[in-house]
Amino acid sequence: MAAESRDIKTTAQAMSERLIGWRQHFHRIPELSFQEVETSRFVAETLKKIPGMQVATGVGYPTAIVGTLSSGTGPTIGIRADMDALPIQEENDRDYTSEREGIMHACGHDAHTAIGLGTASVLGKLFQNGQLEGTIKCLFQPAEETADAQGSTGAPYMIKAGALDDVDCVLALHMSPEDQVGDVKVHDGYSMANVDVFRATVYGSGGHGAYPQLGTDPIWMLGPVLQALHGIVARRVSPLDSAVISIGSIQSGSASNVIPSEVHVTGTIRSYQPDVRELLHHELDKAFSLVKALDGDYELSITPEDPALSNDPATNRVIQRAIKDLYPDFRLIDEPFGLGGEDFAHMTRAVPGAMFFLGCAVGDDKTRDLHTPYFDIDEQVLPIGVSILAETARRLLTEPSA
C-alpha cells in the first residue's frame, strides 16, 4: 500500500468516534425531502471548520450545499452525499433512535452524510499539506427520496444550478444492509432502475348497487385490466431484461350500495434499458384500454422520476483498485444493485461517475433492510466509506488517466 493510501486509512480510522457522533446526531434529527434545514445547517458549519474549504449554500435549493477544496491545476472530482430521511416510524431501541415522530433515517443517508463530512475532512488535510492539486467538490444533496410537485428530486436542482458544470467525475456510495461489512458491490453500466410513476382513472357511469344492469361498473372493468397489467412483465418483456410494474393503490367508492363512477389506480414502473422502459409504457396503456370494450373509458399519465443509474467502467476500475489496496481481504461483488431508484443517476448522466454499495449488516437476528422501521448499520463501516471515497478521489486527482 502506498504511503498516501496508508495515511488516508489511518486518518479515517482515527476519526471513528467523530464519524459515529455525526451519524448518530443526524439519525436523531431526521428531516424529510426538501426539509433538511437542521441537517444542512450542521453540515455547512462543519465544512467551514475545514481549512481551505469554500462553502456555498442554497445551490439549486435552500438546503443544498457544495463545499470546495482547490489548489493548483488538475481535474475536478465531485463527491455526493444525500441528506434526507423517510416517513417511517422507527422501531429500534437505541440511544440515537429518531426523535421525530413518524420520520426515520431508514436508507442510510445519515451515514452517507457523516461519511461525506469525514471524506471532506481527510481530503482537506491532504490539500492543506500540499499533497493534492486539483479540485474536490463535496455535494451535500437534499431530497433523494421524494420528488416535489414539479416531479423533481434534489439532484436535478443542483445540476441546473451548475454544481457539476466543471466536474470531471462524480462519486457516491450507498449502505447495503443485506451485505456484511467487508462486502462491496461495484457494477458497470445499469445498476439501478428507471423509475416512473403512473396514475390512472377508469370511468364508468356508476349507479345503484341493486340495479347494476342500468349502469356501467368501473370496478368490474378493472378486473381484466389487472390481469393484463400483471402479465406485461411475464409475457411481453424478454426474460433476459429486468422490469417491474407494481400497483401501489386502488381507490374507489364511498358506500356499500353505490356502484362508483370512477376507480383510481397508482403504481410504479421499473426497468434498466430504454427500449424496455418504452415497451412498458406502451403495454400499460394497452392494458387500460381494455375498459373501452366494456363501455368504459380511462385516463393514464406516466411521470418519469429517476433515470437508470449507469456506472462508468473507468471510474469503477479506480474504485476497485482503491478497495483492493486499502482492504485486500474485502470481497468485491459484481452484480446490479436491484430495481430500486437512485437520483444520483441524474449526476452520472451529466458527467462520468459511479456509486458503490457498502456492506453494513449489523449481524443480529433482526431483518434491517432499507426502508424498514428496523434499519440500522454496523458503524465500523463509516471509516471504511471515508477511506474508499477519499482514496478514490485522491487517485482520480493524481492519476487522471488511471
Protein backbone atom coordinates (compact mmCIF):
# COMPACT_ATOMS: atom_id res chain seq x y z
CA MET A 1 0.00 0.00 0.00
CA ALA A 2 1.34 3.43 -0.96
CA ALA A 3 2.16 5.82 1.86
CA GLU A 4 -0.65 8.19 0.82
CA SER A 5 -3.21 5.37 0.91
CA ARG A 6 -1.98 4.23 4.31
CA ASP A 7 -2.23 7.79 5.64
CA ILE A 8 -5.81 8.11 4.40
CA LYS A 9 -6.84 4.82 6.00
CA THR A 10 -5.12 5.71 9.30
CA THR A 11 -6.65 9.19 9.39
CA ALA A 12 -10.13 7.86 8.61
CA GLN A 13 -9.88 5.18 11.30
CA ALA A 14 -8.73 7.75 13.84
CA MET A 15 -11.93 9.71 13.08
CA SER A 16 -14.22 6.80 14.01
CA GLU A 17 -15.68 8.35 17.15
CA ARG A 18 -16.33 11.65 15.38
CA LEU A 19 -17.96 9.85 12.43
CA ILE A 20 -20.19 7.84 14.76
CA GLY A 21 -21.14 11.01 16.61
CA TRP A 22 -22.07 12.77 13.38
CA ARG A 23 -24.08 9.80 12.12
CA GLN A 24 -25.99 9.42 15.40
CA HIS A 25 -26.68 13.16 15.52
CA PHE A 26 -28.24 13.03 12.04
CA HIS A 27 -30.15 9.88 12.98
CA ARG A 28 -31.78 11.60 15.94
CA ILE A 29 -32.98 14.58 13.87
CA PRO A 30 -34.20 13.07 10.57
CA GLU A 31 -35.74 15.50 8.10
CA LEU A 32 -37.89 14.69 5.09
CA SER A 33 -37.05 15.56 1.49
CA PHE A 34 -36.69 19.31 0.86
CA GLN A 35 -36.94 19.94 4.64
CA GLU A 36 -33.31 19.25 5.66
CA VAL A 37 -32.86 22.59 7.44
CA GLU A 38 -31.08 21.45 10.62
CA THR A 39 -29.05 18.83 8.79
CA SER A 40 -27.94 21.33 6.17
CA ARG A 41 -27.00 23.91 8.80
CA PHE A 42 -24.88 21.36 10.70
CA VAL A 43 -23.15 20.24 7.50
CA ALA A 44 -22.33 23.80 6.47
CA GLU A 45 -20.98 24.69 9.92
CA THR A 46 -18.82 21.56 9.99
CA LEU A 47 -17.43 22.13 6.49
CA LYS A 48 -16.48 25.71 7.39
CA LYS A 49 -14.12 24.35 10.08
CA ILE A 50 -12.01 22.58 7.44
CA PRO A 51 -9.06 24.80 6.43
CA GLY A 52 -9.28 25.90 2.81
CA MET A 53 -12.89 24.78 2.36
CA GLN A 54 -15.14 27.19 0.47
CA VAL A 55 -18.79 26.60 1.37
CA ALA A 56 -21.72 27.56 -0.86
CA THR A 57 -25.26 27.10 0.45
CA GLY A 58 -28.54 27.13 -1.43
CA VAL A 59 -27.02 25.60 -4.57
CA GLY A 60 -30.19 24.95 -6.58
CA TYR A 61 -32.27 24.54 -3.42
CA PRO A 62 -32.09 26.23 0.00
CA THR A 63 -30.80 23.11 1.78
CA ALA A 64 -28.26 22.07 -0.88
CA ILE A 65 -24.57 22.62 -0.08
CA VAL A 66 -21.34 22.50 -2.09
CA GLY A 67 -18.03 22.52 -0.26
CA THR A 68 -15.00 23.12 -2.47
CA LEU A 69 -11.33 22.35 -1.89
CA SER A 70 -8.96 23.56 -4.60
CA SER A 71 -5.27 24.05 -5.22
CA GLY A 72 -3.29 24.43 -8.40
CA THR A 73 -4.43 22.85 -11.62
CA GLY A 74 -5.95 19.45 -12.21
CA PRO A 75 -9.23 17.57 -12.51
CA THR A 76 -12.38 18.38 -10.56
CA ILE A 77 -13.92 15.47 -8.66
CA GLY A 78 -17.39 15.55 -7.13
CA ILE A 79 -18.36 13.50 -4.08
CA ARG A 80 -22.09 13.34 -3.41
CA ALA A 81 -23.88 12.61 -0.12
CA ASP A 82 -27.68 12.66 0.24
CA MET A 83 -29.22 14.01 3.46
CA ASP A 84 -32.97 13.31 3.60
CA ALA A 85 -34.94 10.77 5.65
CA LEU A 86 -38.16 8.79 5.15
CA PRO A 87 -41.72 8.98 6.57
CA ILE A 88 -41.27 5.80 8.65
CA GLN A 89 -41.80 5.34 12.39
CA GLU A 90 -38.60 3.89 13.83
CA GLU A 91 -38.96 0.67 15.86
CA ASN A 92 -35.34 0.42 17.05
CA ASP A 93 -34.40 0.91 20.69
CA ARG A 94 -31.08 2.74 20.51
CA ASP A 95 -29.52 5.69 22.29
CA TYR A 96 -29.73 7.50 18.96
CA THR A 97 -33.28 6.49 17.94
CA SER A 98 -35.15 9.12 15.91
CA GLU A 99 -36.63 11.94 17.98
CA ARG A 100 -39.08 12.85 15.21
CA GLU A 101 -42.44 11.09 15.24
CA GLY A 102 -43.02 9.20 12.01
CA ILE A 103 -39.67 10.15 10.45
CA MET A 104 -36.57 7.96 10.28
CA HIS A 105 -33.24 7.59 8.52
CA ALA A 106 -34.18 4.20 7.09
CA CYS A 107 -32.00 4.36 3.96
CA GLY A 108 -28.62 5.24 5.45
CA HIS A 109 -28.47 8.86 4.42
CA ASP A 110 -27.34 9.74 7.95
CA ALA A 111 -24.31 7.51 7.33
CA HIS A 112 -23.81 8.94 3.83
CA THR A 113 -23.74 12.49 5.23
CA ALA A 114 -21.35 11.57 8.05
CA ILE A 115 -19.06 9.81 5.56
CA GLY A 116 -19.25 12.85 3.27
CA LEU A 117 -18.09 15.10 6.11
CA GLY A 118 -15.33 12.65 7.01
CA THR A 119 -14.14 12.44 3.41
CA ALA A 120 -14.08 16.23 3.17
CA SER A 121 -12.01 16.40 6.37
CA VAL A 122 -9.46 13.81 5.18
CA LEU A 123 -9.05 15.41 1.77
CA GLY A 124 -8.86 18.84 3.40
CA LYS A 125 -5.77 17.72 5.30
CA LEU A 126 -4.14 16.48 2.09
CA PHE A 127 -4.78 19.82 0.41
CA GLN A 128 -3.52 21.70 3.45
CA ASN A 129 -0.30 19.65 3.42
CA GLY A 130 0.24 20.37 -0.27
CA GLN A 131 -0.26 16.72 -1.26
CA LEU A 132 -3.05 17.34 -3.79
CA GLU A 133 -3.66 19.59 -6.75
CA GLY A 134 -6.97 19.99 -8.49
CA THR A 135 -10.45 20.45 -7.05
CA ILE A 136 -12.79 18.45 -4.84
CA LYS A 137 -16.46 19.42 -4.71
CA CYS A 138 -18.39 17.92 -1.79
CA LEU A 139 -22.03 17.82 -2.87
CA PHE A 140 -24.49 17.52 0.03
CA GLN A 141 -27.80 16.92 -1.66
CA PRO A 142 -31.38 17.24 -0.39
CA ALA A 143 -34.35 15.15 -1.46
CA GLU A 144 -33.05 11.94 -2.92
CA GLU A 145 -36.10 10.02 -1.71
CA THR A 146 -39.10 12.05 -2.82
CA ALA A 147 -39.90 14.27 -5.78
CA ASP A 148 -41.66 17.60 -5.34
CA ALA A 149 -44.82 18.86 -7.06
CA GLN A 150 -42.75 19.53 -10.19
CA GLY A 151 -41.63 15.89 -10.28
CA SER A 152 -38.02 16.71 -9.36
CA THR A 153 -35.78 15.29 -6.68
CA GLY A 154 -32.72 17.10 -5.35
CA ALA A 155 -30.06 16.12 -7.86
CA PRO A 156 -31.63 17.85 -10.90
CA TYR A 157 -31.89 21.12 -8.94
CA MET A 158 -28.20 21.04 -8.07
CA ILE A 159 -27.27 20.15 -11.65
CA LYS A 160 -29.36 23.01 -13.06
CA ALA A 161 -27.63 25.38 -10.63
CA GLY A 162 -24.26 24.42 -12.11
CA ALA A 163 -22.92 22.16 -9.35
CA LEU A 164 -21.47 19.77 -11.94
CA ASP A 165 -20.51 22.26 -14.66
CA ASP A 166 -16.77 21.88 -14.07
CA VAL A 167 -16.79 18.34 -12.65
CA ASP A 168 -14.85 15.63 -14.50
CA CYS A 169 -16.06 12.68 -12.42
CA VAL A 170 -18.56 12.19 -9.59
CA LEU A 171 -18.57 9.56 -6.81
CA ALA A 172 -21.13 8.27 -4.32
CA LEU A 173 -21.72 5.32 -2.03
CA HIS A 174 -24.77 3.63 -0.51
CA MET A 175 -25.33 1.49 2.54
CA SER A 176 -26.13 -2.18 1.84
CA PRO A 177 -27.64 -3.87 4.93
CA GLU A 178 -28.07 -7.24 3.21
CA ASP A 179 -24.27 -7.47 2.82
CA GLN A 180 -21.67 -7.95 5.52
CA VAL A 181 -19.02 -5.39 6.42
CA GLY A 182 -16.20 -6.26 4.04
CA ASP A 183 -18.51 -6.84 1.06
CA VAL A 184 -18.64 -4.12 -1.60
CA LYS A 185 -20.86 -4.11 -4.69
CA VAL A 186 -19.22 -2.47 -7.72
CA HIS A 187 -21.02 -2.89 -11.04
CA ASP A 188 -20.50 -1.41 -14.52
CA GLY A 189 -23.37 0.02 -16.53
CA TYR A 190 -27.02 -0.10 -15.49
CA SER A 191 -27.14 -0.91 -11.78
CA MET A 192 -30.36 0.71 -10.51
CA ALA A 193 -33.66 1.28 -12.26
CA ASN A 194 -35.52 3.85 -14.28
CA VAL A 195 -38.36 4.97 -12.01
CA ASP A 196 -41.71 6.00 -13.47
CA VAL A 197 -44.94 6.67 -11.57
CA PHE A 198 -48.30 6.02 -13.22
CA ARG A 199 -51.72 7.31 -12.28
CA ALA A 200 -54.85 6.05 -13.99
CA THR A 201 -58.59 6.61 -13.69
CA VAL A 202 -61.15 4.14 -15.04
CA TYR A 203 -64.52 5.71 -15.79
CA GLY A 204 -67.98 4.14 -15.80
CA SER A 205 -71.43 5.60 -15.19
CA GLY A 206 -71.89 4.14 -11.71
CA GLY A 207 -75.33 3.54 -10.29
CA HIS A 208 -77.40 1.82 -7.63
CA GLY A 209 -75.89 -1.38 -6.27
CA ALA A 210 -79.26 -3.13 -6.60
CA TYR A 211 -79.55 -2.37 -10.33
CA PRO A 212 -76.11 -2.91 -11.91
CA GLN A 213 -77.64 -3.58 -15.33
CA LEU A 214 -78.68 0.07 -15.57
CA GLY A 215 -75.13 1.44 -15.49
CA THR A 216 -71.50 0.57 -16.08
CA ASP A 217 -69.22 -0.55 -13.27
CA PRO A 218 -65.55 0.62 -13.36
CA ILE A 219 -64.57 -1.78 -10.57
CA TRP A 220 -65.69 -4.74 -12.70
CA MET A 221 -63.88 -3.23 -15.70
CA LEU A 222 -60.68 -3.07 -13.69
CA GLY A 223 -60.56 -6.88 -13.37
CA PRO A 224 -59.29 -7.67 -16.89
CA VAL A 225 -57.03 -4.60 -16.73
CA LEU A 226 -55.29 -6.03 -13.67
CA GLN A 227 -54.83 -9.39 -15.34
CA ALA A 228 -53.35 -7.74 -18.42
CA LEU A 229 -51.18 -5.42 -16.36
CA HIS A 230 -49.64 -8.21 -14.29
CA GLY A 231 -48.99 -10.18 -17.44
CA ILE A 232 -46.93 -7.46 -19.12
CA VAL A 233 -43.61 -8.36 -17.50
CA ALA A 234 -44.30 -12.09 -17.68
CA ARG A 235 -45.37 -12.21 -21.33
CA ARG A 236 -44.34 -9.01 -23.12
CA VAL A 237 -40.83 -8.41 -21.74
CA SER A 238 -37.91 -10.69 -22.54
CA PRO A 239 -36.89 -12.88 -19.56
CA LEU A 240 -33.37 -11.56 -20.12
CA ASP A 241 -34.44 -7.99 -19.30
CA SER A 242 -35.19 -6.53 -15.86
CA ALA A 243 -38.64 -4.99 -15.41
CA VAL A 244 -41.34 -4.48 -12.79
CA ILE A 245 -44.84 -3.00 -12.81
CA SER A 246 -46.44 -2.82 -9.36
CA ILE A 247 -49.73 -1.31 -8.22
CA GLY A 248 -49.49 0.74 -5.06
CA SER A 249 -53.08 1.89 -4.56
CA ILE A 250 -56.63 1.32 -5.81
CA GLN A 251 -59.26 3.73 -4.55
CA SER A 252 -62.96 3.91 -5.30
CA GLY A 253 -66.42 4.26 -3.83
CA SER A 254 -67.90 5.56 -0.62
CA ALA A 255 -70.99 3.43 0.17
CA SER A 256 -71.84 -0.27 0.12
CA ASN A 257 -74.92 0.17 -2.09
CA VAL A 258 -73.47 2.57 -4.66
CA ILE A 259 -71.54 1.50 -7.74
CA PRO A 260 -68.91 4.24 -8.14
CA SER A 261 -68.33 6.06 -11.38
CA GLU A 262 -64.52 6.11 -11.08
CA VAL A 263 -61.64 3.94 -9.91
CA HIS A 264 -58.23 5.49 -9.26
CA VAL A 265 -55.08 3.40 -9.62
CA THR A 266 -51.45 4.33 -8.94
CA GLY A 267 -48.28 2.34 -9.30
CA THR A 268 -44.60 2.20 -10.18
CA ILE A 269 -42.72 1.09 -13.31
CA ARG A 270 -39.09 -0.07 -13.08
CA SER A 271 -36.63 -1.02 -15.84
CA TYR A 272 -32.99 -0.73 -16.92
CA GLN A 273 -32.95 -0.49 -20.71
CA PRO A 274 -34.52 2.50 -22.54
CA ASP A 275 -36.35 0.24 -25.04
CA VAL A 276 -37.83 -1.82 -22.19
CA ARG A 277 -38.98 1.37 -20.49
CA GLU A 278 -40.75 2.45 -23.69
CA LEU A 279 -42.33 -1.01 -24.10
CA LEU A 280 -43.69 -0.96 -20.54
CA HIS A 281 -45.32 2.43 -21.10
CA HIS A 282 -46.94 1.22 -24.32
CA GLU A 283 -48.20 -2.05 -22.85
CA LEU A 284 -49.58 -0.31 -19.76
CA ASP A 285 -51.68 1.94 -21.96
CA LYS A 286 -52.92 -1.10 -23.91
CA ALA A 287 -53.92 -2.81 -20.65
CA PHE A 288 -56.07 0.11 -19.51
CA SER A 289 -57.61 0.46 -22.99
CA LEU A 290 -59.43 -2.84 -22.39
CA VAL A 291 -62.10 -0.90 -20.48
CA LYS A 292 -63.31 0.64 -23.74
CA ALA A 293 -64.58 -2.75 -24.89
CA LEU A 294 -66.64 -2.83 -21.70
CA ASP A 295 -68.31 0.56 -22.31
CA GLY A 296 -65.88 2.43 -20.09
CA ASP A 297 -63.11 4.93 -20.57
CA TYR A 298 -59.79 5.79 -18.92
CA GLU A 299 -57.09 8.37 -18.44
CA LEU A 300 -53.46 7.39 -17.88
CA SER A 301 -50.48 9.57 -17.01
CA ILE A 302 -46.90 8.34 -16.60
CA THR A 303 -44.42 10.59 -14.82
CA PRO A 304 -40.68 9.84 -15.19
CA GLU A 305 -38.77 10.40 -11.95
CA ASP A 306 -35.24 8.95 -11.93
CA PRO A 307 -33.34 7.54 -14.91
CA ALA A 308 -31.48 4.25 -14.57
CA LEU A 309 -28.17 4.56 -12.73
CA SER A 310 -25.35 3.82 -15.16
CA ASN A 311 -21.91 3.40 -13.58
CA ASP A 312 -18.86 4.40 -15.60
CA PRO A 313 -16.50 1.39 -16.01
CA ALA A 314 -13.35 3.53 -15.92
CA THR A 315 -14.41 5.12 -12.62
CA ASN A 316 -15.23 1.71 -11.22
CA ARG A 317 -11.74 0.46 -12.05
CA VAL A 318 -10.28 3.20 -9.85
CA ILE A 319 -12.73 2.37 -7.04
CA GLN A 320 -11.87 -1.33 -7.26
CA ARG A 321 -8.12 -0.72 -7.17
CA ALA A 322 -8.52 1.60 -4.19
CA ILE A 323 -10.52 -1.03 -2.29
CA LYS A 324 -8.04 -3.81 -3.11
CA ASP A 325 -5.10 -1.73 -1.90
CA LEU A 326 -6.83 -0.44 1.24
CA TYR A 327 -8.68 -3.63 2.19
CA PRO A 328 -7.17 -6.62 0.37
CA ASP A 329 -9.41 -9.08 2.24
CA PHE A 330 -12.66 -7.39 1.15
CA ARG A 331 -14.98 -9.19 -1.26
CA LEU A 332 -15.91 -7.28 -4.44
CA ILE A 333 -19.34 -8.26 -5.76
CA ASP A 334 -20.03 -7.56 -9.44
CA GLU A 335 -23.82 -7.52 -9.76
CA PRO A 336 -26.55 -4.91 -10.26
CA PHE A 337 -27.86 -3.25 -7.13
CA GLY A 338 -31.53 -4.01 -7.90
CA LEU A 339 -34.59 -2.22 -9.25
CA GLY A 340 -34.66 0.47 -6.62
CA GLY A 341 -34.35 4.05 -7.79
CA GLU A 342 -31.47 6.44 -7.12
CA ASP A 343 -31.44 10.06 -8.21
CA PHE A 344 -27.64 10.02 -8.30
CA ALA A 345 -28.42 8.65 -11.78
CA HIS A 346 -29.09 12.23 -12.90
CA MET A 347 -25.50 13.09 -11.98
CA THR A 348 -23.96 10.14 -13.82
CA ARG A 349 -25.94 11.15 -16.90
CA ALA A 350 -24.40 14.63 -16.70
CA VAL A 351 -20.78 13.53 -16.09
CA PRO A 352 -18.95 10.19 -15.78
CA GLY A 353 -19.26 8.68 -12.33
CA ALA A 354 -20.13 5.68 -10.21
CA MET A 355 -21.81 4.60 -7.00
CA PHE A 356 -20.79 1.56 -4.97
CA PHE A 357 -22.76 -0.29 -2.28
CA LEU A 358 -21.01 -0.88 1.03
CA GLY A 359 -21.97 -3.85 3.22
CA CYS A 360 -23.10 -2.69 6.66
CA ALA A 361 -25.10 -5.58 8.18
CA VAL A 362 -25.45 -5.36 11.96
CA GLY A 363 -25.29 -9.14 12.25
CA ASP A 364 -28.06 -9.70 14.80
CA ASP A 365 -31.35 -11.62 14.45
CA LYS A 366 -33.32 -8.67 13.04
CA THR A 367 -34.07 -8.02 9.37
CA ARG A 368 -32.77 -4.49 8.92
CA ASP A 369 -33.46 -3.87 5.23
CA LEU A 370 -33.54 -0.45 3.61
CA HIS A 371 -36.83 1.44 4.09
CA THR A 372 -37.92 -0.63 7.10
CA PRO A 373 -38.54 0.51 10.73
CA TYR A 374 -35.62 -1.64 11.95
CA PHE A 375 -32.96 -0.39 9.53
CA ASP A 376 -29.59 0.12 11.17
CA ILE A 377 -25.90 -0.25 10.33
CA ASP A 378 -22.68 -1.57 11.81
CA GLU A 379 -20.93 1.75 12.41
CA GLN A 380 -17.47 0.35 11.74
CA VAL A 381 -18.44 0.86 8.09
CA LEU A 382 -18.12 4.65 8.49
CA PRO A 383 -14.30 5.00 8.37
CA ILE A 384 -14.26 2.35 5.64
CA GLY A 385 -16.54 4.51 3.49
CA VAL A 386 -14.38 7.56 4.15
CA SER A 387 -11.20 5.69 3.23
CA ILE A 388 -12.57 4.35 -0.05
CA LEU A 389 -14.06 7.66 -1.21
CA ALA A 390 -11.03 9.71 -0.18
CA GLU A 391 -8.53 7.30 -1.74
CA THR A 392 -10.54 7.04 -4.97
CA ALA A 393 -10.74 10.83 -5.19
CA ARG A 394 -7.00 11.13 -4.50
CA ARG A 395 -6.21 8.70 -7.31
CA LEU A 396 -8.54 10.49 -9.73
CA LEU A 397 -6.70 13.74 -8.98
CA THR A 398 -3.18 12.36 -9.11
CA GLU A 399 -3.67 9.64 -11.74
CA PRO A 400 -6.28 11.12 -14.11
CA SER A 401 -5.54 8.54 -16.80
CA ALA A 402 -5.82 5.59 -14.39
